[in-house]
Amino acid sequence: MRRVKLHNPFKTRIIDEKLVREHLALERTKLANERTLLSYIRASIYLLISGLALLQIKEYQGISLMWVGYLALFICILFLLVGISRYIALERKLNNLLRDDDSEESEHSK
């Protein structure tokens, strides 16, 4: 097993290469989770803007677009709720995974 020395300006320590890879994989997953949440928020804002714009149009060639505007606002709220719930669910899974790893390491050190 190859050991990797991480540079930390406050404390130097030697960590197994496998632990470094797992740590970096978890960090990438956290960043991807945040990026996905921001994508849900962006889509929700687009739907909010389009819904408000459609509600401002009273009549367009005899077609009332009010119901389409309200539908866009409903989907906006739905996107936001789904995005936040998925973010929280994955964050909890990642935190549980990290806790399990910490408890296993403490058991092996005893």
C-alpha atoms as a PDB file:
ATOM      1  CA  MET A   1       0.000   0.000   0.000  1.00  0.00           C
ATOM      2  CA  ARG A   2       1.432   3.307  -1.066  1.00  0.00           C
ATOM      3  CA  ARG A   3       1.182   6.226   1.307  1.00  0.00           C
ATOM      4  CA  VAL A   4       0.597   9.784   0.193  1.00  0.00           C
ATOM      5  CA  LYS A   5       1.781  12.819   2.095  1.00  0.00           C
ATOM      6  CA  LEU A   6      -0.737  15.635   1.988  1.00  0.00           C
ATOM      7  CA  HIS A   7       0.480  19.183   2.302  1.00  0.00           C
ATOM      8  CA  ASN A   8      -1.347  21.060   4.999  1.00  0.00           C
ATOM      9  CA  PRO A   9       0.172  24.335   6.162  1.00  0.00           C
ATOM     10  CA  PHE A  10      -0.976  23.726   9.729  1.00  0.00           C
ATOM     11  CA  LYS A  11      -0.382  20.004  10.158  1.00  0.00           C
ATOM     12  CA  THR A  12       1.353  17.406   8.037  1.00  0.00           C
ATOM     13  CA  ARG A  13       0.198  13.828   8.096  1.00  0.00           C
ATOM     14  CA  ILE A  14       0.533  10.683   6.037  1.00  0.00           C
ATOM     15  CA  ILE A  15      -2.685   9.161   4.705  1.00  0.00           C
ATOM     16  CA  ASP A  16      -3.360   6.017   2.701  1.00  0.00           C
ATOM     17  CA  GLU A  17      -3.831   6.645  -1.014  1.00  0.00           C
ATOM     18  CA  LYS A  18      -7.168   4.804  -0.908  1.00  0.00           C
ATOM     19  CA  LEU A  19      -8.469   7.209   1.745  1.00  0.00           C
ATOM     20  CA  VAL A  20      -7.398  10.201  -0.341  1.00  0.00           C
ATOM     21  CA  ARG A  21      -9.236   8.853  -3.387  1.00  0.00           C
ATOM     22  CA  GLU A  22     -12.385   8.183  -1.364  1.00  0.00           C
ATOM     23  CA  HIS A  23     -12.228  11.635   0.202  1.00  0.00           C
ATOM     24  CA  LEU A  24     -11.815  13.324  -3.190  1.00  0.00           C
ATOM     25  CA  ALA A  25     -14.643  11.234  -4.663  1.00  0.00           C
ATOM     26  CA  LEU A  26     -16.950  12.334  -1.845  1.00  0.00           C
ATOM     27  CA  GLU A  27     -15.955  15.967  -2.369  1.00  0.00           C
ATOM     28  CA  ARG A  28     -16.712  15.679  -6.104  1.00  0.00           C
ATOM     29  CA  THR A  29     -20.086  14.166  -5.274  1.00  0.00           C
ATOM     30  CA  LYS A  30     -20.871  17.021  -2.879  1.00  0.00           C
ATOM     31  CA  LEU A  31     -19.950  19.602  -5.510  1.00  0.00           C
ATOM     32  CA  ALA A  32     -22.050  17.811  -8.137  1.00  0.00           C
ATOM     33  CA  ASN A  33     -24.962  17.778  -5.681  1.00  0.00           C
ATOM     34  CA  GLU A  34     -24.644  21.546  -5.176  1.00  0.00           C
ATOM     35  CA  ARG A  35     -24.373  22.114  -8.924  1.00  0.00           C
ATOM     36  CA  THR A  36     -27.547  20.087  -9.481  1.00  0.00           C
ATOM     37  CA  LEU A  37     -29.401  22.132  -6.854  1.00  0.00           C
ATOM     38  CA  LEU A  38     -28.333  25.340  -8.578  1.00  0.00           C
ATOM     39  CA  SER A  39     -29.602  23.934 -11.891  1.00  0.00           C
ATOM     40  CA  TYR A  40     -32.982  23.236 -10.319  1.00  0.00           C
ATOM     41  CA  ILE A  41     -33.064  26.788  -8.931  1.00  0.00           C
ATOM     42  CA  ARG A  42     -32.111  28.223 -12.338  1.00  0.00           C
ATOM     43  CA  ALA A  43     -34.872  26.268 -14.100  1.00  0.00           C
ATOM     44  CA  SER A  44     -37.324  27.366 -11.418  1.00  0.00           C
ATOM     45  CA  ILE A  45     -36.406  31.029 -11.931  1.00  0.00           C
ATOM     46  CA  TYR A  46     -36.858  30.661 -15.703  1.00  0.00           C
ATOM     47  CA  LEU A  47     -40.308  29.198 -15.155  1.00  0.00           C
ATOM     48  CA  LEU A  48     -41.169  31.957 -12.687  1.00  0.00           C
ATOM     49  CA  ILE A  49     -40.189  34.660 -15.169  1.00  0.00           C
ATOM     50  CA  SER A  50     -42.045  33.026 -18.031  1.00  0.00           C
ATOM     51  CA  GLY A  51     -45.134  32.455 -15.878  1.00  0.00           C
ATOM     52  CA  LEU A  52     -45.197  36.081 -14.770  1.00  0.00           C
ATOM     53  CA  ALA A  53     -44.715  37.240 -18.364  1.00  0.00           C
ATOM     54  CA  LEU A  54     -47.592  35.062 -19.556  1.00  0.00           C
ATOM     55  CA  LEU A  55     -49.835  36.407 -16.800  1.00  0.00           C
ATOM     56  CA  GLN A  56     -49.141  39.953 -18.030  1.00  0.00           C
ATOM     57  CA  ILE A  57     -50.527  39.108 -21.476  1.00  0.00           C
ATOM     58  CA  LYS A  58     -54.285  39.567 -21.258  1.00  0.00           C
ATOM     59  CA  GLU A  59     -55.402  38.426 -24.708  1.00  0.00           C
ATOM     60  CA  TYR A  60     -53.296  37.204 -27.592  1.00  0.00           C
ATOM     61  CA  GLN A  61     -55.262  36.570 -30.795  1.00  0.00           C
ATOM     62  CA  GLY A  62     -58.292  35.433 -28.839  1.00  0.00           C
ATOM     63  CA  ILE A  63     -56.377  32.918 -26.684  1.00  0.00           C
ATOM     64  CA  SER A  64     -56.172  33.460 -22.948  1.00  0.00           C
ATOM     65  CA  LEU A  65     -52.712  32.470 -21.717  1.00  0.00           C
ATOM     66  CA  MET A  66     -53.513  32.944 -18.042  1.00  0.00           C
ATOM     67  CA  TRP A  67     -53.834  29.210 -17.374  1.00  0.00           C
ATOM     68  CA  VAL A  68     -50.460  28.567 -19.023  1.00  0.00           C
ATOM     69  CA  GLY A  69     -48.937  31.245 -16.789  1.00  0.00           C
ATOM     70  CA  TYR A  70     -50.388  29.680 -13.661  1.00  0.00           C
ATOM     71  CA  LEU A  71     -49.198  26.256 -14.819  1.00  0.00           C
ATOM     72  CA  ALA A  72     -45.668  27.648 -15.249  1.00  0.00           C
ATOM     73  CA  LEU A  73     -45.791  29.106 -11.719  1.00  0.00           C
ATOM     74  CA  PHE A  74     -46.973  25.761 -10.320  1.00  0.00           C
ATOM     75  CA  ILE A  75     -44.193  23.888 -12.123  1.00  0.00           C
ATOM     76  CA  CYS A  76     -41.731  26.528 -10.852  1.00  0.00           C
ATOM     77  CA  ILE A  77     -42.631  25.715  -7.250  1.00  0.00           C
ATOM     78  CA  LEU A  78     -42.580  21.986  -8.012  1.00  0.00           C
ATOM     79  CA  PHE A  79     -39.067  22.208  -9.515  1.00  0.00           C
ATOM     80  CA  LEU A  80     -37.828  24.099  -6.479  1.00  0.00           C
ATOM     81  CA  LEU A  81     -39.291  21.578  -4.030  1.00  0.00           C
ATOM     82  CA  VAL A  82     -37.949  18.580  -5.948  1.00  0.00           C
ATOM     83  CA  GLY A  83     -34.485  20.133  -6.190  1.00  0.00           C
ATOM     84  CA  ILE A  84     -34.294  20.970  -2.496  1.00  0.00           C
ATOM     85  CA  SER A  85     -35.615  17.564  -1.429  1.00  0.00           C
ATOM     86  CA  ARG A  86     -33.111  15.717  -3.655  1.00  0.00           C
ATOM     87  CA  TYR A  87     -30.271  17.898  -2.348  1.00  0.00           C
ATOM     88  CA  ILE A  88     -31.184  17.213   1.285  1.00  0.00           C
ATOM     89  CA  ALA A  89     -31.610  13.466   0.677  1.00  0.00           C
ATOM     90  CA  LEU A  90     -28.204  13.077  -0.971  1.00  0.00           C
ATOM     91  CA  GLU A  91     -26.528  15.292   1.623  1.00  0.00           C
ATOM     92  CA  ARG A  92     -27.906  13.086   4.408  1.00  0.00           C
ATOM     93  CA  LYS A  93     -26.691   9.947   2.623  1.00  0.00           C
ATOM     94  CA  LEU A  94     -23.218  11.434   2.241  1.00  0.00           C
ATOM     95  CA  ASN A  95     -23.105  12.488   5.891  1.00  0.00           C
ATOM     96  CA  ASN A  96     -24.187   9.000   6.997  1.00  0.00           C
ATOM     97  CA  LEU A  97     -21.517   7.495   4.765  1.00  0.00           C
ATOM     98  CA  LEU A  98     -18.871   9.733   6.324  1.00  0.00           C
ATOM     99  CA  ARG A  99     -20.059   8.868   9.845  1.00  0.00           C
ATOM    100  CA  ASP A 100     -19.883   5.141   9.048  1.00  0.00           C
ATOM    101  CA  ASP A 101     -16.313   5.537   7.773  1.00  0.00           C
ATOM    102  CA  ASP A 102     -15.298   7.472  10.898  1.00  0.00           C
ATOM    103  CA  SER A 103     -16.795   4.855  13.206  1.00  0.00           C
ATOM    104  CA  GLU A 104     -15.016   2.032  11.313  1.00  0.00           C
ATOM    105  CA  GLU A 105     -11.684   3.850  11.569  1.00  0.00           C
ATOM    106  CA  SER A 106     -12.100   4.372  15.306  1.00  0.00           C
ATOM    107  CA  GLU A 107     -12.958   0.664  15.787  1.00  0.00           C
ATOM    108  CA  HIS A 108      -9.849  -0.410  13.847  1.00  0.00           C
ATOM    109  CA  SER A 109      -7.602   1.871  15.878  1.00  0.00           C
ATOM    110  CA  LYS A 110      -8.770   0.371  19.179  1.00  0.00           C
END
